[in-house]
Amino acid sequence: MSTEGPTASPTVPPPRRPKVIKTNQQQVLLYVVLTLLLSLATVWAGRTLVHNSETLTFAVGGPNSDEALFAAKLAALLKNTASRFRINIVNNADNAKALAQFDRRQADLAVLRTDAKVPLRARTLAILDHDLVLLLGPGNKKIKSLAELKKKKVAVVAENESSLAFVRNILDVPDGPEAAKIQMAQQGATLDKLFAPASGFNAVIAIVHASKAIRDKSYEQAAKRGGFTLNAIEEAKTLARKFPGISDETVTAGSVSTSPQIPDDDLDTIGLEWLLVAQSRMSPTTAGELARIVYENKSALGLDNGFATRIEPASVEKDAFVIAHRGAADYINDDTKSFMDKYSDLMYLGAAALSIIGSIFAAIYAKITRIAPEKASELSTAILDIGERIEHAHSLDQLECLQDELETILRGAVIGLRDGTISTDGLDTFKLGYEFVRDEIGMRRDYLKRHAGDADRTVGDAGPVPSDDSNVVVVKTAQSA
């Protein structure tokens, strides 16, 4: 008697791997390169914004004038301290022409003395120096008032011709023969020569920098020879009220000569101020920073002849002859805003914009670089493939292999759902396919066990008990697209 049972099948067809979406490495590389370039561009732009240099045009007189030498020192200081400012010095025939250039808005900075015609848009950054008006008489002769000098011959000792017009103005001498008596002294002329009978001058009005007068030993030498008398200008306060550019000054005892002491007591006189001015349209930030640099580096900006060795803050009074620039006034009054105060609103807006841009780039990056999640429904193809191979399993060992494949797919699906590499799209289809194939494997297992038992027992000559396939359901599953 032959025993009929399930025929052995060759090997169970290998499973078909589910399709995996691979990362596009070229796109990832390109995105990384673009991200690096964008980062470098952002850093460069920020550095440029912070350290962006600003060139300022400084209009001055002749190359050897005090204002030109001061401008050169300021330019060198800014360069040596790695400041963002650069100074472009433009020389003119004299300071009057420099102020005219400034008035035409062809320069950002200039230096003016308060007896000059002040440009409408000039604003003060700092007081560089004071000019003192020294009224000198020959020998021991005192001059009681300026009115005494109207009909006398007066020598004006000064560095430029503008001082001659200033003296004629304060003496109230009209143009004509009387004005000719007020003359500019020759450069280098000493008091002895000016007061000599050959010269015929009855008085000398010297206009000198206050800082220079202290260092000038020629007055002390002339005083030792009994050559002059320093007189007070009693009309100082009246002149200061009459002429807005004039200030009433005090010559302290012994400041002109220490031995002999001249003056022997403090005396009143008049003076003029040298102002560093900027255009009113200059930004407060720029003006305030320039003022700070000038105030904090006074010792480095003074000239060898004494000019600008006593730099003072600009007058912030509303009735000042040349009002202070708002940026300089804020610095002087300690009203300058911190970086956060100035740019906090801009920083908040920038942070919000960067947050939005960052989110967009993060989404793009995630879209390009990550492995696209596999749909749960796509795993159903592998499950249905197992279902097709169940009918070819003719032993329990082969069936166990299919069971292991099914469980491996289930385990991978659970891990993928947790990690995000598998989406929930089609999850119901996956569950239905898994349960369906799992039940089919169970039915096939029962069938193989039952069929193997019937093949081992025989009943008389009737042969082996025929197997009953009435309870076996063979499922034909369609290949998923």
Protein backbone atom coordinates (compact mmCIF):
# COMPACT_ATOMS: atom_id res chain seq x y z
CA MET A 1 0.00 0.00 0.00
CA SER A 2 1.27 3.36 -0.85
CA THR A 3 0.93 6.25 1.46
CA GLU A 4 -0.29 9.44 -0.12
CA GLY A 5 0.45 12.69 1.52
CA PRO A 6 1.49 16.20 0.57
CA THR A 7 4.07 16.17 -2.11
CA ALA A 8 7.29 17.90 -1.26
CA SER A 9 7.86 21.12 -3.00
CA PRO A 10 11.22 22.48 -3.94
CA THR A 11 12.19 25.65 -2.19
CA VAL A 12 9.63 28.27 -1.23
CA PRO A 13 9.96 31.25 -3.61
CA PRO A 14 12.03 34.03 -1.97
CA PRO A 15 10.15 37.04 -0.70
CA ARG A 16 10.08 40.23 -2.64
CA ARG A 17 11.61 43.15 -0.73
CA PRO A 18 9.44 46.19 -0.28
CA LYS A 19 10.57 49.21 -2.26
CA VAL A 20 12.67 51.70 -0.24
CA ILE A 21 12.98 55.34 -1.22
CA LYS A 22 16.65 56.28 -1.16
CA THR A 23 18.11 59.65 -0.28
CA ASN A 24 19.23 61.73 -3.20
CA GLN A 25 22.85 62.24 -2.21
CA GLN A 26 23.50 64.87 -4.87
CA GLN A 27 20.64 66.98 -3.58
CA VAL A 28 21.92 66.61 -0.02
CA LEU A 29 25.41 67.68 -1.04
CA LEU A 30 24.07 70.63 -3.00
CA TYR A 31 21.92 71.75 -0.10
CA VAL A 32 24.83 71.50 2.35
CA VAL A 33 27.01 73.61 0.05
CA LEU A 34 24.25 76.22 -0.34
CA THR A 35 23.74 76.28 3.43
CA LEU A 36 27.45 76.92 3.99
CA LEU A 37 27.48 79.67 1.37
CA LEU A 38 24.42 81.28 2.93
CA SER A 39 26.03 81.14 6.38
CA LEU A 40 29.23 82.73 5.08
CA ALA A 41 27.23 85.44 3.29
CA THR A 42 25.28 86.18 6.49
CA VAL A 43 28.46 86.44 8.57
CA TRP A 44 30.10 88.65 5.96
CA ALA A 45 27.06 90.91 5.74
CA GLY A 46 26.91 91.26 9.52
CA ARG A 47 30.62 92.04 9.73
CA THR A 48 30.30 94.56 6.93
CA LEU A 49 27.34 96.21 8.67
CA VAL A 50 29.23 96.56 11.94
CA HIS A 51 32.62 97.54 10.50
CA ASN A 52 31.46 99.38 7.42
CA SER A 53 33.81 102.32 6.93
CA GLU A 54 32.46 105.82 6.46
CA THR A 55 34.52 108.45 4.67
CA LEU A 56 34.08 112.04 5.84
CA THR A 57 35.33 115.04 3.86
CA PHE A 58 37.15 117.62 5.98
CA ALA A 59 37.44 121.08 4.34
CA VAL A 60 40.44 123.08 5.60
CA GLY A 61 42.60 126.04 4.58
CA GLY A 62 46.23 125.82 3.52
CA PRO A 63 48.26 122.67 4.27
CA ASN A 64 50.18 124.41 7.09
CA SER A 65 47.14 126.04 8.71
CA ASP A 66 46.11 124.99 12.20
CA GLU A 67 42.87 123.44 10.99
CA ALA A 68 44.69 121.43 8.30
CA LEU A 69 47.24 120.09 10.79
CA PHE A 70 44.42 119.21 13.20
CA ALA A 71 42.52 117.40 10.45
CA ALA A 72 45.68 115.41 9.62
CA LYS A 73 46.08 114.38 13.27
CA LEU A 74 42.43 113.35 13.48
CA ALA A 75 42.74 111.29 10.28
CA ALA A 76 45.86 109.53 11.62
CA LEU A 77 44.15 108.84 14.95
CA LEU A 78 41.11 107.26 13.27
CA LYS A 79 43.34 105.09 11.12
CA ASN A 80 45.56 103.94 13.99
CA THR A 81 42.60 103.08 16.22
CA ALA A 82 40.93 101.00 13.46
CA SER A 83 37.89 103.27 13.54
CA ARG A 84 35.21 102.84 10.91
CA PHE A 85 35.67 106.51 9.97
CA ARG A 86 38.09 107.75 7.34
CA ILE A 87 38.97 111.41 6.78
CA ASN A 88 39.43 112.88 3.31
CA ILE A 89 41.20 116.23 3.74
CA VAL A 90 40.50 118.90 1.10
CA ASN A 91 42.74 121.98 1.18
CA ASN A 92 41.58 125.45 0.13
CA ALA A 93 43.32 128.78 -0.30
CA ASP A 94 42.16 129.84 3.17
CA ASN A 95 39.67 128.87 5.85
CA ALA A 96 37.01 131.22 4.44
CA LYS A 97 36.97 129.22 1.21
CA ALA A 98 36.90 126.00 3.22
CA LEU A 99 33.77 127.22 5.01
CA ALA A 100 32.24 128.16 1.65
CA GLN A 101 32.84 124.61 0.46
CA PHE A 102 31.24 123.33 3.67
CA ASP A 103 28.28 125.65 3.11
CA ARG A 104 27.78 124.13 -0.35
CA ARG A 105 27.52 120.71 1.32
CA GLN A 106 30.70 119.56 -0.35
CA ALA A 107 32.28 118.72 3.00
CA ASP A 108 31.14 116.99 6.18
CA LEU A 109 33.52 118.68 8.61
CA ALA A 110 35.18 122.06 8.98
CA VAL A 111 36.79 124.30 11.58
CA LEU A 112 35.54 127.83 12.08
CA ARG A 113 36.32 130.75 14.34
CA THR A 114 33.24 132.43 15.70
CA ASP A 115 33.97 135.76 13.96
CA ALA A 116 33.55 134.05 10.58
CA LYS A 117 30.34 133.79 8.59
CA VAL A 118 28.75 130.67 10.02
CA PRO A 119 27.19 128.26 7.47
CA LEU A 120 23.48 127.78 8.05
CA ARG A 121 23.73 124.00 8.49
CA ALA A 122 26.82 123.99 10.74
CA ARG A 123 26.50 122.16 14.06
CA THR A 124 29.20 122.05 16.74
CA LEU A 125 30.95 118.81 17.70
CA ALA A 126 33.64 120.29 19.96
CA ILE A 127 35.36 123.52 21.01
CA LEU A 128 38.95 123.11 19.86
CA ASP A 129 40.47 126.28 21.27
CA HIS A 130 39.95 129.89 22.36
CA ASP A 131 41.54 133.00 20.93
CA LEU A 132 42.31 135.74 23.44
CA VAL A 133 42.36 139.44 22.52
CA LEU A 134 45.32 141.01 24.30
CA LEU A 135 45.31 144.80 24.43
CA LEU A 136 48.94 145.91 24.79
CA GLY A 137 50.25 149.42 25.37
CA PRO A 138 53.86 150.64 25.10
CA GLY A 139 55.88 150.79 28.32
CA ASN A 140 53.79 151.59 31.35
CA LYS A 141 51.06 153.34 29.42
CA LYS A 142 47.58 152.09 30.24
CA ILE A 143 44.70 152.11 27.79
CA LYS A 144 41.45 152.76 29.61
CA SER A 145 39.03 151.88 26.79
CA LEU A 146 38.84 150.77 23.19
CA ALA A 147 37.34 154.13 22.29
CA GLU A 148 40.76 155.71 22.83
CA LEU A 149 42.14 153.72 19.90
CA LYS A 150 39.75 154.95 17.19
CA LYS A 151 42.05 157.73 16.03
CA LYS A 152 45.33 156.07 16.92
CA LYS A 153 47.64 153.83 14.96
CA VAL A 154 47.08 150.22 16.03
CA ALA A 155 49.01 147.09 14.99
CA VAL A 156 47.13 143.81 14.80
CA VAL A 157 49.25 140.72 15.59
CA ALA A 158 47.46 137.67 14.24
CA GLU A 159 47.87 134.70 11.91
CA ASN A 160 45.37 135.73 9.24
CA GLU A 161 43.81 138.76 7.64
CA SER A 162 40.37 137.99 9.03
CA SER A 163 41.58 139.23 12.42
CA LEU A 164 42.12 142.69 10.94
CA ALA A 165 38.45 142.95 9.97
CA PHE A 166 37.49 141.67 13.41
CA VAL A 167 39.52 144.39 15.19
CA ARG A 168 38.11 147.14 12.98
CA ASN A 169 34.65 145.81 13.75
CA ILE A 170 35.00 145.84 17.54
CA LEU A 171 36.63 149.30 17.40
CA ASP A 172 33.69 150.44 15.30
CA VAL A 173 36.02 152.01 12.73
CA PRO A 174 34.30 152.58 9.37
CA ASP A 175 36.00 152.09 6.03
CA GLY A 176 38.09 155.10 5.05
CA PRO A 177 41.20 156.95 6.18
CA GLU A 178 40.63 156.03 9.82
CA ALA A 179 40.42 152.32 9.00
CA ALA A 180 43.87 152.53 7.41
CA LYS A 181 45.34 153.26 10.81
CA ILE A 182 44.42 149.73 11.91
CA GLN A 183 47.12 147.67 10.21
CA MET A 184 48.30 144.08 10.19
CA ALA A 185 51.72 143.71 11.73
CA GLN A 186 54.35 141.92 9.72
CA GLN A 187 54.75 138.24 10.56
CA GLY A 188 57.49 137.80 13.14
CA ALA A 189 57.53 141.44 14.23
CA THR A 190 58.38 141.81 17.92
CA LEU A 191 56.72 144.16 20.39
CA ASP A 192 59.94 146.17 20.65
CA LYS A 193 59.87 146.95 16.93
CA LEU A 194 56.15 147.69 16.90
CA PHE A 195 56.42 150.13 19.79
CA ALA A 196 59.60 151.72 18.44
CA PRO A 197 59.23 155.40 17.39
CA ALA A 198 59.99 154.41 13.81
CA SER A 199 56.88 152.26 13.64
CA GLY A 200 54.65 154.78 15.32
CA PHE A 201 52.08 152.33 16.74
CA ASN A 202 50.26 153.56 19.82
CA ALA A 203 48.86 150.13 20.71
CA VAL A 204 49.04 146.49 19.73
CA ILE A 205 46.06 144.15 19.69
CA ALA A 206 47.28 140.58 19.64
CA ILE A 207 44.86 137.76 18.86
CA VAL A 208 46.46 134.52 20.00
CA HIS A 209 45.38 131.02 20.89
CA ALA A 210 44.89 130.79 24.64
CA SER A 211 46.91 127.58 24.69
CA LYS A 212 49.70 129.21 22.68
CA ALA A 213 49.93 132.38 24.78
CA ILE A 214 50.93 130.32 27.81
CA ARG A 215 53.83 128.76 25.90
CA ASP A 216 54.96 131.89 24.08
CA LYS A 217 58.10 133.15 25.88
CA SER A 218 58.38 136.26 23.69
CA TYR A 219 55.94 138.14 25.95
CA GLU A 220 58.01 137.31 29.00
CA GLN A 221 61.20 138.46 27.27
CA ALA A 222 59.55 141.71 26.15
CA ALA A 223 58.19 142.28 29.66
CA LYS A 224 61.66 141.96 31.20
CA ARG A 225 62.77 144.83 29.00
CA GLY A 226 59.78 146.86 30.15
CA GLY A 227 58.32 146.83 26.69
CA PHE A 228 54.53 146.68 27.23
CA THR A 229 51.55 146.86 29.52
CA LEU A 230 48.66 144.38 29.33
CA ASN A 231 45.34 146.19 29.66
CA ALA A 232 41.90 144.95 30.55
CA ILE A 233 39.07 145.44 28.10
CA GLU A 234 36.41 146.96 30.28
CA GLU A 235 33.80 146.70 27.55
CA ALA A 236 34.15 142.86 27.40
CA LYS A 237 30.62 142.00 28.55
CA THR A 238 29.09 144.73 26.40
CA LEU A 239 30.94 143.49 23.32
CA ALA A 240 29.92 139.88 24.08
CA ARG A 241 26.29 140.96 24.07
CA LYS A 242 26.69 143.09 20.97
CA PHE A 243 28.56 140.52 18.89
CA PRO A 244 27.18 136.96 19.37
CA GLY A 245 30.45 135.33 18.25
CA ILE A 246 32.48 137.10 20.91
CA SER A 247 32.87 135.61 24.36
CA ASP A 248 34.00 137.40 27.50
CA GLU A 249 37.21 135.79 28.75
CA THR A 250 39.47 136.07 31.74
CA VAL A 251 43.25 136.25 31.53
CA THR A 252 44.49 134.63 34.72
CA ALA A 253 47.31 136.15 36.74
CA GLY A 254 50.76 135.16 35.47
CA SER A 255 49.45 133.34 32.38
CA VAL A 256 51.20 135.66 29.90
CA SER A 257 54.45 136.03 31.84
CA THR A 258 55.52 134.44 35.08
CA SER A 259 58.52 136.66 35.73
CA PRO A 260 57.56 139.40 35.86
CA GLN A 261 53.98 138.26 36.53
CA ILE A 262 51.66 139.46 33.78
CA PRO A 263 48.95 140.15 34.49
CA ASP A 264 49.49 140.67 38.18
CA ASP A 265 45.81 139.92 38.75
CA ASP A 266 42.98 138.36 36.74
CA LEU A 267 41.66 140.76 34.12
CA ASP A 268 38.75 140.79 31.72
CA THR A 269 39.10 140.61 27.97
CA ILE A 270 37.24 139.23 24.99
CA GLY A 271 37.86 136.17 22.90
CA LEU A 272 36.75 133.95 20.05
CA GLU A 273 36.17 130.19 19.87
CA TRP A 274 37.47 127.69 17.33
CA LEU A 275 34.74 125.13 16.67
CA LEU A 276 34.83 121.75 14.99
CA VAL A 277 31.55 121.70 13.06
CA ALA A 278 29.64 119.08 11.13
CA GLN A 279 26.71 119.18 8.75
CA SER A 280 23.33 119.13 10.48
CA ARG A 281 22.30 116.21 8.25
CA MET A 282 25.06 114.01 9.70
CA SER A 283 23.45 111.16 11.61
CA PRO A 284 23.39 111.51 15.42
CA THR A 285 25.20 108.19 15.73
CA THR A 286 28.09 109.37 13.54
CA ALA A 287 28.26 112.78 15.22
CA GLY A 288 28.13 111.29 18.70
CA GLU A 289 30.86 108.77 17.92
CA LEU A 290 33.09 111.46 16.39
CA ALA A 291 32.56 113.70 19.43
CA ARG A 292 33.46 110.82 21.74
CA ILE A 293 36.66 110.11 19.80
CA VAL A 294 37.71 113.78 19.93
CA TYR A 295 36.96 114.16 23.66
CA GLU A 296 38.64 110.92 24.66
CA ASN A 297 41.80 111.60 22.62
CA LYS A 298 42.42 115.27 23.42
CA SER A 299 46.06 114.71 24.27
CA ALA A 300 46.74 113.03 20.93
CA LEU A 301 45.06 115.74 18.84
CA GLY A 302 46.84 118.84 20.17
CA LEU A 303 49.34 120.55 17.86
CA ASP A 304 52.92 121.37 18.79
CA ASN A 305 52.13 125.12 18.67
CA GLY A 306 49.46 124.64 21.34
CA PHE A 307 46.36 124.68 19.14
CA ALA A 308 43.66 122.18 20.21
CA THR A 309 45.50 121.22 23.40
CA ARG A 310 42.51 122.33 25.49
CA ILE A 311 39.57 120.75 23.69
CA GLU A 312 36.22 121.26 25.41
CA PRO A 313 32.74 119.79 24.88
CA ALA A 314 30.41 121.79 22.68
CA SER A 315 27.96 124.10 24.38
CA VAL A 316 24.57 122.38 24.60
CA GLU A 317 22.73 125.59 25.48
CA LYS A 318 19.96 126.54 23.09
CA ASP A 319 21.32 130.08 22.76
CA ALA A 320 24.84 128.95 21.85
CA PHE A 321 26.37 130.86 18.93
CA VAL A 322 26.59 127.60 16.93
CA ILE A 323 24.31 125.03 18.51
CA ALA A 324 25.66 121.58 19.27
CA HIS A 325 24.91 118.70 16.93
CA ARG A 326 22.21 116.47 18.41
CA GLY A 327 24.55 113.47 18.43
CA ALA A 328 27.26 115.40 20.28
CA ALA A 329 24.68 116.86 22.70
CA ASP A 330 23.34 113.38 23.46
CA TYR A 331 26.85 112.18 24.22
CA ILE A 332 27.65 115.21 26.39
CA ASN A 333 24.36 114.86 28.29
CA ASP A 334 24.90 111.11 28.56
CA ASP A 335 21.68 110.55 26.65
CA THR A 336 23.23 108.25 24.08
CA LYS A 337 21.28 105.07 23.65
CA SER A 338 22.89 101.71 24.02
CA PHE A 339 23.07 99.30 21.12
CA MET A 340 20.05 97.43 22.48
CA ASP A 341 18.07 100.64 22.93
CA LYS A 342 18.72 101.68 19.34
CA TYR A 343 18.22 98.40 17.60
CA SER A 344 16.02 96.32 19.94
CA ASP A 345 12.93 96.75 17.74
CA LEU A 346 14.95 95.96 14.63
CA MET A 347 16.47 92.93 16.35
CA TYR A 348 13.04 91.61 17.31
CA LEU A 349 11.81 92.01 13.75
CA GLY A 350 14.99 90.42 12.45
CA ALA A 351 14.63 87.51 14.87
CA ALA A 352 11.04 86.94 13.74
CA ALA A 353 12.09 87.09 10.08
CA LEU A 354 15.00 84.73 10.70
CA SER A 355 12.67 82.36 12.54
CA ILE A 356 10.35 82.21 9.54
CA ILE A 357 13.23 81.83 7.10
CA GLY A 358 14.82 79.19 9.33
CA SER A 359 11.58 77.23 9.46
CA ILE A 360 11.33 77.32 5.67
CA PHE A 361 14.91 76.14 5.27
CA ALA A 362 14.41 73.45 7.90
CA ALA A 363 11.37 72.18 6.02
CA ILE A 364 13.30 72.21 2.75
CA TYR A 365 16.23 70.46 4.38
CA ALA A 366 14.00 67.80 5.90
CA LYS A 367 12.23 67.32 2.59
CA ILE A 368 15.47 66.88 0.66
CA THR A 369 17.78 65.06 3.06
CA ARG A 370 15.63 62.63 4.98
CA ILE A 371 14.50 59.25 3.65
CA ALA A 372 10.90 59.63 2.56
CA PRO A 373 8.62 57.64 4.88
CA GLU A 374 7.22 54.48 3.37
CA LYS A 375 3.46 54.15 3.32
CA ALA A 376 2.06 51.37 5.47
CA SER A 377 -0.06 50.30 2.52
CA GLU A 378 3.10 49.57 0.51
CA LEU A 379 4.04 46.86 3.04
CA SER A 380 0.79 45.11 2.15
CA THR A 381 2.48 44.01 -1.09
CA ALA A 382 5.06 42.00 0.89
CA ILE A 383 2.31 40.53 3.07
CA LEU A 384 0.22 39.47 0.07
CA ASP A 385 3.35 37.97 -1.49
CA ILE A 386 3.65 35.72 1.58
CA GLY A 387 -0.02 34.82 1.15
CA GLU A 388 0.64 33.67 -2.41
CA ARG A 389 3.42 31.35 -1.26
CA ILE A 390 1.40 29.66 1.48
CA GLU A 391 -0.11 27.08 -0.90
CA HIS A 392 3.43 26.09 -1.91
CA ALA A 393 4.42 25.30 1.67
CA HIS A 394 4.19 21.49 2.02
CA SER A 395 5.89 21.19 5.38
CA LEU A 396 5.62 22.81 8.73
CA ASP A 397 9.21 24.06 8.45
CA GLN A 398 8.42 25.93 5.28
CA LEU A 399 5.32 27.32 6.88
CA GLU A 400 7.33 28.49 9.89
CA CYS A 401 9.66 30.38 7.54
CA LEU A 402 6.68 32.20 6.08
CA GLN A 403 5.43 32.91 9.60
CA ASP A 404 8.82 34.41 10.51
CA GLU A 405 8.74 36.62 7.40
CA LEU A 406 5.28 37.84 8.33
CA GLU A 407 6.36 38.67 11.89
CA THR A 408 9.49 40.41 10.60
CA ILE A 409 7.36 42.66 8.42
CA LEU A 410 5.06 43.39 11.37
CA ARG A 411 8.02 44.20 13.65
CA GLY A 412 9.54 46.47 11.01
CA ALA A 413 6.23 48.26 10.57
CA VAL A 414 5.92 48.91 14.31
CA ILE A 415 9.50 50.25 14.52
CA GLY A 416 8.99 52.36 11.38
CA LEU A 417 5.80 53.89 12.74
CA ARG A 418 7.68 54.81 15.91
CA ASP A 419 10.69 56.31 14.06
CA GLY A 420 8.68 58.05 11.37
CA THR A 421 10.19 56.06 8.50
CA ILE A 422 6.75 54.55 7.85
CA SER A 423 3.67 56.68 7.59
CA THR A 424 0.19 55.73 8.73
CA ASP A 425 -1.10 56.11 5.19
CA GLY A 426 -2.84 52.80 4.38
CA LEU A 427 -2.42 51.40 7.91
CA ASP A 428 -5.90 49.87 7.87
CA THR A 429 -5.06 48.03 4.64
CA PHE A 430 -1.85 46.71 6.22
CA LYS A 431 -3.70 45.48 9.31
CA LEU A 432 -6.35 43.77 7.21
CA GLY A 433 -3.73 42.07 5.03
CA TYR A 434 -1.67 40.97 8.03
CA GLU A 435 -4.67 39.44 9.83
CA PHE A 436 -5.83 37.77 6.64
CA VAL A 437 -2.46 36.14 5.88
CA ARG A 438 -1.89 35.23 9.54
CA ASP A 439 -5.23 33.34 9.58
CA GLU A 440 -4.36 31.65 6.28
CA ILE A 441 -1.06 30.42 7.72
CA GLY A 442 -2.92 29.05 10.73
CA MET A 443 -5.39 27.18 8.50
CA ARG A 444 -2.53 25.81 6.38
CA ARG A 445 -0.73 24.64 9.51
CA ASP A 446 -3.87 22.77 10.70
CA TYR A 447 -4.20 21.21 7.31
CA LEU A 448 -0.60 19.99 7.19
CA LYS A 449 -0.84 18.54 10.69
CA ARG A 450 -4.11 16.78 9.94
CA HIS A 451 -2.94 15.49 6.57
CA ALA A 452 0.28 14.14 8.07
CA GLY A 453 -1.75 12.19 10.72
CA ASP A 454 -4.06 10.62 8.12
CA ALA A 455 -1.10 9.46 6.07
CA ASP A 456 0.34 7.49 9.02
CA ARG A 457 -2.68 5.38 9.81
CA THR A 458 -4.40 2.79 7.57
CA VAL A 459 -7.75 1.03 7.89
CA GLY A 460 -7.75 -2.59 6.54
CA ASP A 461 -7.55 -2.97 2.79
CA ALA A 462 -9.40 0.11 2.24
CA GLY A 463 -6.13 1.98 2.20
CA PRO A 464 -5.42 5.30 3.88
CA VAL A 465 -8.26 7.35 5.07
CA PRO A 466 -8.92 9.94 2.44
CA SER A 467 -8.22 13.38 3.56
CA ASP A 468 -11.04 15.75 3.97
CA ASP A 469 -10.29 19.02 2.23
CA SER A 470 -13.71 20.37 2.74
CA ASN A 471 -12.52 22.68 5.55
CA VAL A 472 -9.47 23.95 3.71
CA VAL A 473 -9.84 27.31 2.13
CA VAL A 474 -7.20 28.23 -0.38
CA VAL A 475 -6.92 31.94 -0.75
CA LYS A 476 -5.77 33.40 -3.99
CA THR A 477 -4.56 36.91 -3.36
CA ALA A 478 -4.11 39.47 -5.98
CA GLN A 479 -0.73 41.10 -6.42
CA SER A 480 -0.91 44.64 -5.20
CA ALA A 481 -0.01 47.19 -7.68
